[in-house]
Amino acid sequence: MTWNGEHPLHQPFAALQVALSQVADVKASSFSLASAQEAVTAFLRLRHQADSAYLHLVRVLVEAGSSASDTATFLACAPNRLPRGQARRDVEAAKVTDPSVIWDGVIGGVDGDRGALQHLGDALAAGDASRAHLDVAVTALSRIPTTIRRGTTTLTDGVTGEVVEHRSAELLDAHLTRNAARHCPGVAGQLARELVLTIDPDHEDRTFRDPDATTRRGLVFGALVDGMCRITVDLDETATVIVKQAVNAASAPLPVQVEANGELIRDPRSKRQRDADAFVTLLQRGAQASEPVVAETARVSVVATVADVQAAIEHRDAQTTATVDGHGPVSTATLGYLVCGATLQRVLTSAAGAVLDLGRSTRLATRSQRTALAVRDGGCAAPGCITAPWACEAHHFPAWEDGGTTDLDRMVLLCPTHHRAWHAHHLEVRLRPDRTTEARWITRDPRWPGNPVTRPWVRNTYPADRRLTRELGAHLRAPAAPPTTSRQ
């Protein structure tokens, strides 16, 4: 740092450098496992606060006379050297989290998105949200039609019954901030995408029907480096669903083998390696076909209501709640294609999510039971895990060897890692009276293994948050008052 002592940030930045050097000098011997976890959590909160301070400095740079494009160029060039895409995202994030914007009930304007995510910006400044959450929210905001995100909507107060008019941007900001507090960025991104599809169900349908979208598909073989080649494929959503389901079906781990000495030999490949092997295997099977065969697409597991399927069959532009196992929510147009051409395993549900048609259960965990678990749990039940249902295992509680039964009320979805954690007594799961699952961690310090520390029970809130997302989207889709000019 080459500043002189007269710069207003000279002393704060110098103190920050000293503090960081002190953190780097800390030895592991001075920490227990629990205290080390607390230190990492505290540092991450400070890191989020530092991201908020950085966005403030970007706003200062713009206010000092630099345009948005010039600021992005400055961030991308030496000595900053940020990726140009990240630089543009930083400038946009600084704008939408601007806390100086005072809304007085007047909506819209040329720069109507400035300050639209103030609540999420406050959460970032407090360390309660990450920069990844903010990027997810900025992306979702940009995909919502301008007339909706800069308009107003009316909601009925659940206590007083009074009809109150709200800025749509404030409702979106509050919803995205709540998701950031409850979920990791991956799950928050899924909820944000479902919000966009609920508000604007034609958003991805337009891409589906866009004649130019077909021209953007492609496959590129990269250079051979260190014996490896990277293949880049650009596909539309429908093709992506089919390819993902085909690879997932063919990438199951090899069966566990038992050697003569009783030792269990498990598949040593990672999920990424198994997917690569499955991709090559599928291509080889197609290339080795000696005669033309009737093409059959991958078996795709679609969770949808009867109304969703009917709308897709009739080619109607309608809001959909359909999701594809391992992929997430899909548009009505994509659902229509899957209904027409794919081999579906359909799980029909009522509007409230109650399962209508699953088939018979047997002693073992059947496909129908696994599908029911996917609908109920939404994925791995471990706190903070976003593993999709197809990559999870049906875990018995109590364990099968302890008298557990293969029943929906006695099983829960856990990914392989957290399934092993349960058997190692690092994780507990249970079913709540409302048939939702919750779990909690059991921390054991290696130096004091006899003193386990249990964490609070954490409920899987993803299904409820999906319902809230749909309700908010339905309200925002209602006709709103035309936007007017904003003033600050």
Protein backbone atom coordinates (compact mmCIF):
# COMPACT_ATOMS: atom_id res chain seq x y z
CA MET A 1 0.00 0.00 0.00
CA THR A 2 1.55 3.30 -1.13
CA TRP A 3 -0.87 5.75 0.47
CA ASN A 4 0.32 8.50 2.71
CA GLY A 5 -1.15 9.07 6.15
CA GLU A 6 -3.61 11.67 4.84
CA HIS A 7 -5.81 9.17 2.97
CA PRO A 8 -9.09 8.65 4.90
CA LEU A 9 -8.77 4.83 4.74
CA HIS A 10 -5.05 4.60 5.51
CA GLN A 11 -5.46 3.76 9.19
CA PRO A 12 -8.43 1.36 8.87
CA PHE A 13 -6.72 -0.62 6.08
CA ALA A 14 -3.42 -0.72 7.98
CA ALA A 15 -5.24 -2.04 11.06
CA LEU A 16 -6.98 -4.64 8.90
CA GLN A 17 -3.65 -5.85 7.50
CA VAL A 18 -2.25 -6.21 11.02
CA ALA A 19 -5.32 -8.15 12.15
CA LEU A 20 -5.10 -10.55 9.19
CA SER A 21 -1.43 -11.20 9.89
CA GLN A 22 -2.32 -12.08 13.48
CA VAL A 23 -4.92 -14.58 12.26
CA ALA A 24 -2.32 -16.21 9.99
CA ASP A 25 0.02 -16.70 12.98
CA VAL A 26 -2.54 -18.70 15.03
CA LYS A 27 -1.54 -22.32 15.74
CA ALA A 28 -3.93 -25.27 15.58
CA SER A 29 -2.77 -26.49 19.01
CA SER A 30 -4.56 -23.57 20.67
CA PHE A 31 -7.98 -24.69 19.36
CA SER A 32 -10.42 -27.44 20.10
CA LEU A 33 -12.57 -28.68 17.23
CA ALA A 34 -15.59 -26.69 18.43
CA SER A 35 -13.62 -23.48 18.94
CA ALA A 36 -11.98 -23.86 15.52
CA GLN A 37 -15.43 -24.18 13.93
CA GLU A 38 -16.58 -21.08 15.79
CA ALA A 39 -13.50 -19.19 14.57
CA VAL A 40 -14.17 -20.14 10.95
CA THR A 41 -17.82 -19.10 11.28
CA ALA A 42 -16.84 -15.76 12.82
CA PHE A 43 -14.28 -15.12 10.08
CA LEU A 44 -16.80 -15.91 7.35
CA ARG A 45 -19.21 -13.39 8.84
CA LEU A 46 -16.42 -10.81 8.75
CA ARG A 47 -15.70 -11.82 5.16
CA HIS A 48 -19.32 -11.15 4.21
CA GLN A 49 -19.10 -7.77 5.94
CA ALA A 50 -15.91 -7.06 3.99
CA ASP A 51 -17.78 -7.85 0.75
CA SER A 52 -20.40 -5.29 1.78
CA ALA A 53 -17.70 -2.69 2.44
CA TYR A 54 -16.18 -3.44 -0.98
CA LEU A 55 -19.53 -2.82 -2.68
CA HIS A 56 -19.75 0.47 -0.80
CA LEU A 57 -16.35 1.48 -2.20
CA VAL A 58 -17.59 0.58 -5.70
CA ARG A 59 -20.53 2.95 -5.14
CA VAL A 60 -18.08 5.62 -3.95
CA LEU A 61 -16.09 5.12 -7.15
CA VAL A 62 -19.22 5.62 -9.27
CA GLU A 63 -20.28 8.68 -7.29
CA ALA A 64 -16.80 10.14 -7.73
CA GLY A 65 -17.47 10.42 -11.46
CA SER A 66 -16.79 6.98 -12.97
CA SER A 67 -19.59 5.54 -15.11
CA ALA A 68 -20.81 1.98 -14.58
CA SER A 69 -18.99 0.71 -17.70
CA ASP A 70 -15.79 2.57 -16.79
CA THR A 71 -15.94 1.16 -13.26
CA ALA A 72 -16.29 -2.39 -14.57
CA THR A 73 -13.33 -1.82 -16.90
CA PHE A 74 -11.25 -0.42 -14.02
CA LEU A 75 -12.02 -3.49 -11.87
CA ALA A 76 -11.12 -5.85 -14.71
CA CYS A 77 -7.79 -4.20 -15.60
CA ALA A 78 -4.48 -4.10 -13.72
CA PRO A 79 -3.83 -3.86 -10.87
CA ASN A 80 -7.26 -5.29 -9.87
CA ARG A 81 -7.48 -8.05 -12.51
CA LEU A 82 -11.01 -9.23 -11.73
CA PRO A 83 -12.72 -11.36 -14.39
CA ARG A 84 -14.76 -8.99 -16.57
CA GLY A 85 -18.00 -10.82 -15.84
CA GLN A 86 -17.36 -10.59 -12.10
CA ALA A 87 -16.56 -6.89 -12.44
CA ARG A 88 -19.92 -6.25 -14.12
CA ARG A 89 -21.71 -8.25 -11.41
CA ASP A 90 -19.94 -6.21 -8.72
CA VAL A 91 -21.11 -2.93 -10.25
CA GLU A 92 -24.70 -4.20 -10.52
CA ALA A 93 -24.64 -5.60 -6.96
CA ALA A 94 -23.37 -2.27 -5.65
CA LYS A 95 -26.25 -0.49 -7.40
CA VAL A 96 -29.13 -2.69 -6.25
CA THR A 97 -27.92 -2.72 -2.60
CA ASP A 98 -27.49 1.07 -2.41
CA PRO A 99 -28.85 1.98 1.07
CA SER A 100 -29.10 5.69 0.27
CA VAL A 101 -32.25 5.27 -1.85
CA ILE A 102 -35.32 6.40 0.08
CA TRP A 103 -38.58 5.01 -1.28
CA ASP A 104 -41.60 7.22 -0.67
CA GLY A 105 -44.24 5.15 -2.42
CA VAL A 106 -43.42 6.37 -5.93
CA ILE A 107 -42.32 3.56 -8.23
CA GLY A 108 -40.20 3.15 -11.34
CA GLY A 109 -37.89 5.60 -13.07
CA VAL A 110 -34.94 5.31 -15.40
CA ASP A 111 -32.82 3.74 -12.68
CA GLY A 112 -35.67 2.05 -10.85
CA ASP A 113 -33.63 -0.98 -9.72
CA ARG A 114 -31.22 1.10 -7.64
CA GLY A 115 -31.65 0.10 -4.01
CA ALA A 116 -34.09 -2.69 -4.92
CA LEU A 117 -32.24 -5.21 -2.69
CA GLN A 118 -31.53 -3.03 0.32
CA HIS A 119 -32.63 -5.65 2.86
CA LEU A 120 -30.34 -8.26 1.34
CA GLY A 121 -27.54 -5.67 1.32
CA ASP A 122 -28.16 -5.08 5.02
CA ALA A 123 -27.99 -8.84 5.66
CA LEU A 124 -24.65 -8.95 3.82
CA ALA A 125 -23.36 -6.02 5.90
CA ALA A 126 -24.41 -7.86 9.08
CA GLY A 127 -22.71 -11.08 7.95
CA ASP A 128 -26.03 -12.95 7.72
CA ALA A 129 -25.83 -13.53 3.93
CA SER A 130 -23.01 -14.24 1.50
CA ARG A 131 -21.99 -12.60 -1.73
CA ALA A 132 -23.16 -15.76 -3.54
CA HIS A 133 -26.67 -15.18 -2.18
CA LEU A 134 -26.55 -11.62 -3.51
CA ASP A 135 -25.46 -12.78 -6.98
CA VAL A 136 -28.36 -15.25 -7.05
CA ALA A 137 -30.81 -12.48 -6.11
CA VAL A 138 -29.41 -10.03 -8.69
CA THR A 139 -29.76 -12.65 -11.42
CA ALA A 140 -33.34 -13.45 -10.40
CA LEU A 141 -34.26 -9.76 -10.27
CA SER A 142 -32.97 -9.20 -13.80
CA ARG A 143 -35.16 -12.05 -15.13
CA ILE A 144 -38.41 -10.69 -13.67
CA PRO A 145 -40.30 -8.41 -16.08
CA THR A 146 -39.70 -4.71 -15.47
CA THR A 147 -43.41 -3.92 -15.17
CA ILE A 148 -43.68 -6.39 -12.28
CA ARG A 149 -40.51 -5.69 -10.32
CA ARG A 150 -41.06 -1.90 -10.54
CA GLY A 151 -44.80 -2.09 -9.94
CA THR A 152 -47.01 -2.52 -6.89
CA THR A 153 -49.20 -5.27 -5.53
CA THR A 154 -51.81 -5.47 -2.79
CA LEU A 155 -51.74 -7.96 0.07
CA THR A 156 -54.23 -8.57 2.86
CA ASP A 157 -52.83 -8.25 6.37
CA GLY A 158 -53.36 -11.59 8.09
CA VAL A 159 -53.98 -9.92 11.48
CA THR A 160 -55.98 -6.78 10.74
CA GLY A 161 -57.54 -7.84 7.43
CA GLU A 162 -56.50 -4.50 5.95
CA VAL A 163 -55.58 -4.43 2.26
CA VAL A 164 -52.14 -2.83 1.96
CA GLU A 165 -50.30 -1.80 -1.19
CA HIS A 166 -46.64 -2.82 -1.35
CA ARG A 167 -43.81 -2.18 -3.76
CA SER A 168 -43.13 -5.42 -5.59
CA ALA A 169 -39.39 -4.82 -5.23
CA GLU A 170 -39.74 -4.72 -1.44
CA LEU A 171 -41.63 -8.03 -1.42
CA LEU A 172 -39.00 -9.60 -3.66
CA ASP A 173 -36.21 -8.21 -1.49
CA ALA A 174 -37.78 -9.56 1.71
CA HIS A 175 -38.40 -12.99 0.13
CA LEU A 176 -34.87 -13.35 -1.25
CA THR A 177 -33.39 -12.17 2.06
CA ARG A 178 -35.40 -14.78 3.96
CA ASN A 179 -34.18 -17.51 1.61
CA ALA A 180 -30.58 -16.35 2.11
CA ALA A 181 -30.99 -16.71 5.89
CA ARG A 182 -32.45 -20.23 5.62
CA HIS A 183 -30.56 -21.85 2.75
CA CYS A 184 -27.19 -22.18 1.11
CA PRO A 185 -26.73 -20.32 -2.22
CA GLY A 186 -27.51 -23.46 -4.27
CA VAL A 187 -30.94 -23.98 -2.72
CA ALA A 188 -31.62 -20.23 -2.71
CA GLY A 189 -30.86 -20.27 -6.44
CA GLN A 190 -33.39 -23.05 -7.03
CA LEU A 191 -36.05 -21.11 -5.14
CA ALA A 192 -35.19 -17.94 -7.06
CA ARG A 193 -35.52 -19.79 -10.37
CA GLU A 194 -38.88 -21.18 -9.31
CA LEU A 195 -39.96 -17.65 -8.35
CA VAL A 196 -39.09 -16.41 -11.84
CA LEU A 197 -41.00 -19.28 -13.46
CA THR A 198 -44.02 -18.62 -11.21
CA ILE A 199 -44.10 -14.88 -11.93
CA ASP A 200 -43.34 -15.24 -15.63
CA PRO A 201 -44.22 -18.79 -16.72
CA ASP A 202 -43.43 -17.91 -20.34
CA HIS A 203 -39.87 -16.87 -19.46
CA GLU A 204 -38.26 -20.16 -20.45
CA ASP A 205 -41.03 -21.04 -22.88
CA ARG A 206 -39.95 -18.09 -24.99
CA THR A 207 -36.45 -19.54 -25.08
CA PHE A 208 -37.92 -22.96 -25.86
CA ARG A 209 -39.80 -21.56 -28.87
CA ASP A 210 -37.11 -19.07 -29.89
CA PRO A 211 -35.86 -20.12 -33.37
CA ASP A 212 -32.50 -18.52 -32.59
CA ALA A 213 -32.08 -20.71 -29.49
CA THR A 214 -31.48 -23.74 -31.69
CA THR A 215 -28.57 -22.00 -33.37
CA ARG A 216 -26.85 -21.53 -29.99
CA ARG A 217 -26.47 -25.26 -29.36
CA GLY A 218 -23.01 -26.67 -29.84
CA LEU A 219 -20.26 -29.05 -28.78
CA VAL A 220 -16.58 -28.08 -28.61
CA PHE A 221 -13.59 -30.33 -27.95
CA GLY A 222 -10.84 -28.55 -26.04
CA ALA A 223 -7.13 -29.02 -26.43
CA LEU A 224 -5.53 -32.21 -25.13
CA VAL A 225 -3.59 -31.16 -22.02
CA ASP A 226 -1.83 -33.64 -19.70
CA GLY A 227 -3.67 -36.47 -21.38
CA MET A 228 -7.12 -34.96 -20.70
CA CYS A 229 -9.59 -33.15 -22.96
CA ARG A 230 -12.42 -30.88 -21.81
CA ILE A 231 -15.67 -31.07 -23.81
CA THR A 232 -18.03 -28.08 -23.67
CA VAL A 233 -21.66 -28.70 -24.64
CA ASP A 234 -24.39 -26.05 -24.92
CA LEU A 235 -27.91 -27.53 -24.76
CA ASP A 236 -31.42 -26.23 -24.20
CA GLU A 237 -33.29 -27.23 -21.05
CA THR A 238 -35.08 -30.21 -22.58
CA ALA A 239 -31.90 -31.75 -23.95
CA THR A 240 -30.14 -31.03 -20.64
CA VAL A 241 -32.80 -32.92 -18.69
CA ILE A 242 -32.54 -35.94 -21.00
CA VAL A 243 -28.73 -36.06 -20.89
CA LYS A 244 -28.59 -35.61 -17.12
CA GLN A 245 -31.12 -38.37 -16.50
CA ALA A 246 -29.34 -40.76 -18.88
CA VAL A 247 -25.97 -40.13 -17.19
CA ASN A 248 -27.47 -40.38 -13.69
CA ALA A 249 -29.09 -43.72 -14.52
CA ALA A 250 -25.82 -45.14 -15.84
CA SER A 251 -23.48 -43.77 -13.17
CA ALA A 252 -24.56 -45.83 -10.18
CA PRO A 253 -21.69 -47.08 -7.98
CA LEU A 254 -20.45 -50.61 -8.52
CA PRO A 255 -21.94 -53.21 -6.14
CA VAL A 256 -20.07 -53.73 -2.88
CA GLN A 257 -17.87 -56.84 -3.05
CA VAL A 258 -16.85 -59.01 -0.12
CA GLU A 259 -13.37 -60.52 -0.19
CA ALA A 260 -12.46 -63.86 1.35
CA ASN A 261 -11.28 -62.18 4.56
CA GLY A 262 -14.63 -60.43 4.94
CA GLU A 263 -13.38 -56.99 3.91
CA LEU A 264 -15.86 -54.85 1.98
CA ILE A 265 -14.61 -53.35 -1.30
CA ARG A 266 -16.57 -50.27 -2.40
CA ASP A 267 -16.49 -48.37 -5.65
CA PRO A 268 -13.49 -46.00 -5.32
CA ARG A 269 -14.73 -43.57 -8.00
CA SER A 270 -16.12 -40.15 -7.15
CA LYS A 271 -19.50 -39.00 -8.48
CA ARG A 272 -17.71 -36.87 -11.09
CA GLN A 273 -15.64 -39.84 -12.27
CA ARG A 274 -18.68 -42.12 -12.42
CA ASP A 275 -20.53 -39.52 -14.53
CA ALA A 276 -17.61 -39.33 -16.97
CA ASP A 277 -17.48 -43.14 -17.28
CA ALA A 278 -21.26 -43.28 -17.80
CA PHE A 279 -21.10 -40.62 -20.53
CA VAL A 280 -18.48 -42.60 -22.48
CA THR A 281 -20.35 -45.87 -21.93
CA LEU A 282 -23.59 -44.44 -23.32
CA LEU A 283 -21.79 -43.20 -26.44
CA GLN A 284 -20.11 -46.57 -26.94
CA ARG A 285 -23.43 -48.40 -26.66
CA GLY A 286 -24.94 -46.19 -29.34
CA ALA A 287 -21.92 -46.48 -31.64
CA GLN A 288 -21.77 -50.27 -31.32
CA ALA A 289 -25.41 -50.84 -32.30
CA SER A 290 -25.22 -53.24 -35.26
CA GLU A 291 -28.64 -52.32 -36.64
CA PRO A 292 -31.14 -49.49 -36.34
CA VAL A 293 -33.06 -49.62 -33.11
CA VAL A 294 -36.11 -47.81 -31.83
CA ALA A 295 -34.77 -44.81 -29.98
CA GLU A 296 -35.83 -44.50 -26.38
CA THR A 297 -35.03 -41.42 -24.34
CA ALA A 298 -33.80 -41.53 -20.78
CA ARG A 299 -36.29 -42.37 -18.06
CA VAL A 300 -37.16 -38.99 -16.55
CA SER A 301 -38.86 -38.73 -13.16
CA VAL A 302 -41.27 -35.79 -13.25
CA VAL A 303 -43.24 -34.59 -10.22
CA ALA A 304 -46.31 -32.66 -11.37
CA THR A 305 -49.96 -32.06 -10.63
CA VAL A 306 -52.75 -33.33 -12.85
CA ALA A 307 -53.38 -29.73 -13.94
CA ASP A 308 -49.72 -29.32 -14.94
CA VAL A 309 -49.80 -32.38 -17.19
CA GLN A 310 -53.14 -31.37 -18.70
CA ALA A 311 -51.87 -27.86 -19.50
CA ALA A 312 -48.74 -29.30 -21.09
CA ILE A 313 -50.75 -31.74 -23.23
CA GLU A 314 -53.05 -28.95 -24.42
CA HIS A 315 -50.06 -26.67 -25.15
CA ARG A 316 -51.41 -23.96 -22.90
CA ASP A 317 -49.22 -21.18 -21.48
CA ALA A 318 -49.82 -21.71 -17.78
CA GLN A 319 -48.05 -21.54 -14.48
CA THR A 320 -46.49 -24.89 -13.58
CA THR A 321 -45.17 -26.46 -10.40
CA ALA A 322 -43.59 -29.41 -12.21
CA THR A 323 -40.08 -30.46 -11.24
CA VAL A 324 -37.67 -33.04 -12.64
CA ASP A 325 -35.80 -35.20 -10.18
CA GLY A 326 -32.16 -34.11 -10.15
CA HIS A 327 -32.81 -30.97 -12.21
CA GLY A 328 -35.41 -28.76 -10.54
CA PRO A 329 -38.44 -26.81 -11.80
CA VAL A 330 -39.21 -26.87 -15.53
CA SER A 331 -41.33 -24.70 -17.77
CA THR A 332 -44.67 -25.80 -19.24
CA ALA A 333 -43.17 -26.14 -22.71
CA THR A 334 -40.41 -28.45 -21.45
CA LEU A 335 -42.97 -30.51 -19.52
CA GLY A 336 -45.03 -30.82 -22.70
CA TYR A 337 -42.07 -32.18 -24.61
CA LEU A 338 -41.29 -34.68 -21.87
CA VAL A 339 -44.91 -35.84 -21.71
CA CYS A 340 -44.93 -36.33 -25.48
CA GLY A 341 -41.56 -37.91 -26.19
CA ALA A 342 -39.89 -39.18 -23.05
CA THR A 343 -40.39 -42.29 -20.98
CA LEU A 344 -41.84 -40.75 -17.85
CA GLN A 345 -42.20 -41.98 -14.34
CA ARG A 346 -44.92 -39.51 -13.37
CA VAL A 347 -45.72 -38.75 -9.74
CA LEU A 348 -49.12 -37.09 -9.72
CA THR A 349 -49.80 -34.85 -6.74
CA SER A 350 -52.66 -32.65 -5.61
CA ALA A 351 -52.30 -28.88 -5.55
CA ALA A 352 -51.35 -29.14 -1.85
CA GLY A 353 -48.64 -31.70 -2.62
CA ALA A 354 -50.42 -34.85 -1.37
CA VAL A 355 -49.33 -37.93 -3.32
CA LEU A 356 -52.17 -39.43 -5.36
CA ASP A 357 -50.56 -42.31 -7.29
CA LEU A 358 -47.39 -44.11 -6.14
CA GLY A 359 -48.02 -47.80 -6.57
CA ARG A 360 -47.70 -50.56 -3.97
CA SER A 361 -45.05 -50.69 -1.30
CA THR A 362 -43.09 -53.86 -0.57
CA ARG A 363 -40.68 -54.94 2.14
CA LEU A 364 -37.70 -53.46 0.30
CA ALA A 365 -37.34 -49.80 -0.71
CA THR A 366 -39.01 -49.89 -4.12
CA ARG A 367 -38.85 -47.28 -6.84
CA SER A 368 -42.28 -46.06 -5.75
CA GLN A 369 -41.12 -45.66 -2.16
CA ARG A 370 -37.99 -43.78 -3.25
CA THR A 371 -40.14 -41.50 -5.36
CA ALA A 372 -42.41 -40.83 -2.39
CA LEU A 373 -39.36 -40.02 -0.25
CA ALA A 374 -38.14 -37.64 -2.95
CA VAL A 375 -41.47 -35.82 -2.91
CA ARG A 376 -41.55 -35.66 0.89
CA ASP A 377 -37.89 -34.86 1.70
CA GLY A 378 -36.79 -33.03 -1.45
CA GLY A 379 -33.25 -34.42 -1.08
CA CYS A 380 -30.79 -35.19 1.69
CA ALA A 381 -32.24 -34.35 5.11
CA ALA A 382 -28.90 -33.37 6.63
CA PRO A 383 -28.66 -29.69 7.58
CA GLY A 384 -27.16 -27.60 4.79
CA CYS A 385 -26.95 -30.46 2.26
CA ILE A 386 -28.43 -29.90 -1.21
CA THR A 387 -27.85 -33.36 -2.66
CA ALA A 388 -30.66 -34.22 -5.07
CA PRO A 389 -33.04 -37.13 -4.27
CA TRP A 390 -31.66 -39.38 -7.04
CA ALA A 391 -28.18 -39.23 -5.44
CA CYS A 392 -29.47 -40.13 -1.95
CA GLU A 393 -29.97 -43.45 -0.18
CA ALA A 394 -33.13 -44.55 1.65
CA HIS A 395 -32.00 -44.75 5.27
CA HIS A 396 -33.93 -46.70 7.92
CA PHE A 397 -34.46 -45.23 11.36
CA PRO A 398 -34.16 -47.16 13.56
CA ALA A 399 -31.52 -48.97 11.53
CA TRP A 400 -32.54 -52.21 9.82
CA GLU A 401 -30.26 -54.24 12.07
CA ASP A 402 -31.93 -52.64 15.11
CA GLY A 403 -35.43 -53.69 14.08
CA GLY A 404 -36.28 -50.87 11.68
CA THR A 405 -38.93 -51.49 9.03
CA THR A 406 -38.98 -50.50 5.38
CA ASP A 407 -41.86 -48.08 5.68
CA LEU A 408 -42.18 -44.50 4.48
CA ASP A 409 -42.61 -43.31 8.05
CA ARG A 410 -39.43 -45.12 9.02
CA MET A 411 -37.16 -44.00 6.19
CA VAL A 412 -35.45 -40.77 5.22
CA LEU A 413 -33.27 -39.70 2.32
CA LEU A 414 -29.57 -39.20 3.11
CA CYS A 415 -26.69 -38.75 0.70
CA PRO A 416 -23.91 -41.39 1.00
CA THR A 417 -21.67 -39.04 3.00
CA HIS A 418 -24.33 -38.17 5.56
CA HIS A 419 -25.61 -41.76 5.61
CA ARG A 420 -22.14 -42.78 6.78
CA ALA A 421 -22.19 -39.89 9.24
CA TRP A 422 -25.39 -41.29 10.76
CA HIS A 423 -23.90 -44.75 11.19
CA ALA A 424 -20.82 -43.10 12.75
CA HIS A 425 -23.18 -41.38 15.24
CA HIS A 426 -22.34 -37.89 13.97
CA LEU A 427 -25.89 -37.22 12.77
CA GLU A 428 -29.42 -37.89 14.03
CA VAL A 429 -32.65 -37.74 12.03
CA ARG A 430 -36.29 -37.95 13.00
CA LEU A 431 -39.75 -37.49 11.49
CA ARG A 432 -41.90 -34.67 12.84
CA PRO A 433 -45.65 -35.14 13.50
CA ASP A 434 -46.41 -33.20 10.29
CA ARG A 435 -44.40 -35.81 8.33
CA THR A 436 -41.48 -33.49 7.59
CA THR A 437 -37.95 -34.52 8.47
CA GLU A 438 -35.40 -32.77 10.64
CA ALA A 439 -31.84 -33.59 11.63
CA ARG A 440 -29.09 -32.44 13.94
CA TRP A 441 -25.33 -32.83 14.15
CA ILE A 442 -23.46 -34.47 17.01
CA THR A 443 -19.99 -32.94 17.36
CA ARG A 444 -17.25 -35.02 18.92
CA ASP A 445 -13.86 -33.51 19.63
CA PRO A 446 -11.16 -36.12 18.85
CA ARG A 447 -9.35 -35.17 22.06
CA TRP A 448 -12.47 -35.70 24.21
CA PRO A 449 -14.50 -38.37 22.37
CA GLY A 450 -16.62 -39.14 25.43
CA ASN A 451 -18.23 -35.69 25.49
CA PRO A 452 -20.52 -35.35 22.45
CA VAL A 453 -22.16 -31.98 21.80
CA THR A 454 -25.55 -32.07 20.08
CA ARG A 455 -26.60 -29.23 17.80
CA PRO A 456 -30.20 -27.97 17.57
CA TRP A 457 -32.71 -29.87 15.43
CA VAL A 458 -32.97 -28.27 11.99
CA ARG A 459 -36.13 -28.70 9.95
CA ASN A 460 -36.06 -29.14 6.20
CA THR A 461 -37.88 -25.95 5.17
CA TYR A 462 -37.40 -26.31 1.41
CA PRO A 463 -40.93 -27.64 0.62
CA ALA A 464 -42.56 -24.85 2.67
CA ASP A 465 -40.34 -22.24 1.04
CA ARG A 466 -41.35 -23.52 -2.39
CA ARG A 467 -44.99 -23.00 -1.44
CA LEU A 468 -44.27 -19.45 -0.22
CA THR A 469 -42.39 -18.79 -3.44
CA ARG A 470 -45.38 -19.85 -5.54
CA GLU A 471 -47.76 -17.73 -3.45
CA LEU A 472 -45.57 -14.64 -3.80
CA GLY A 473 -45.22 -15.21 -7.53
CA ALA A 474 -49.00 -15.55 -7.90
CA HIS A 475 -49.53 -12.25 -6.08
CA LEU A 476 -46.95 -10.46 -8.20
CA ARG A 477 -48.49 -11.79 -11.41
CA ALA A 478 -51.78 -10.08 -10.56
CA PRO A 479 -52.52 -6.86 -12.51
CA ALA A 480 -50.62 -3.98 -10.94
CA ALA A 481 -50.82 -0.23 -11.17
CA PRO A 482 -48.73 1.28 -13.98
CA PRO A 483 -45.27 2.46 -12.84
CA THR A 484 -44.62 6.16 -12.36
CA THR A 485 -41.49 8.23 -12.05
CA SER A 486 -39.34 7.76 -8.95
CA ARG A 487 -37.63 10.39 -6.91
CA GLN A 488 -34.98 10.05 -4.29
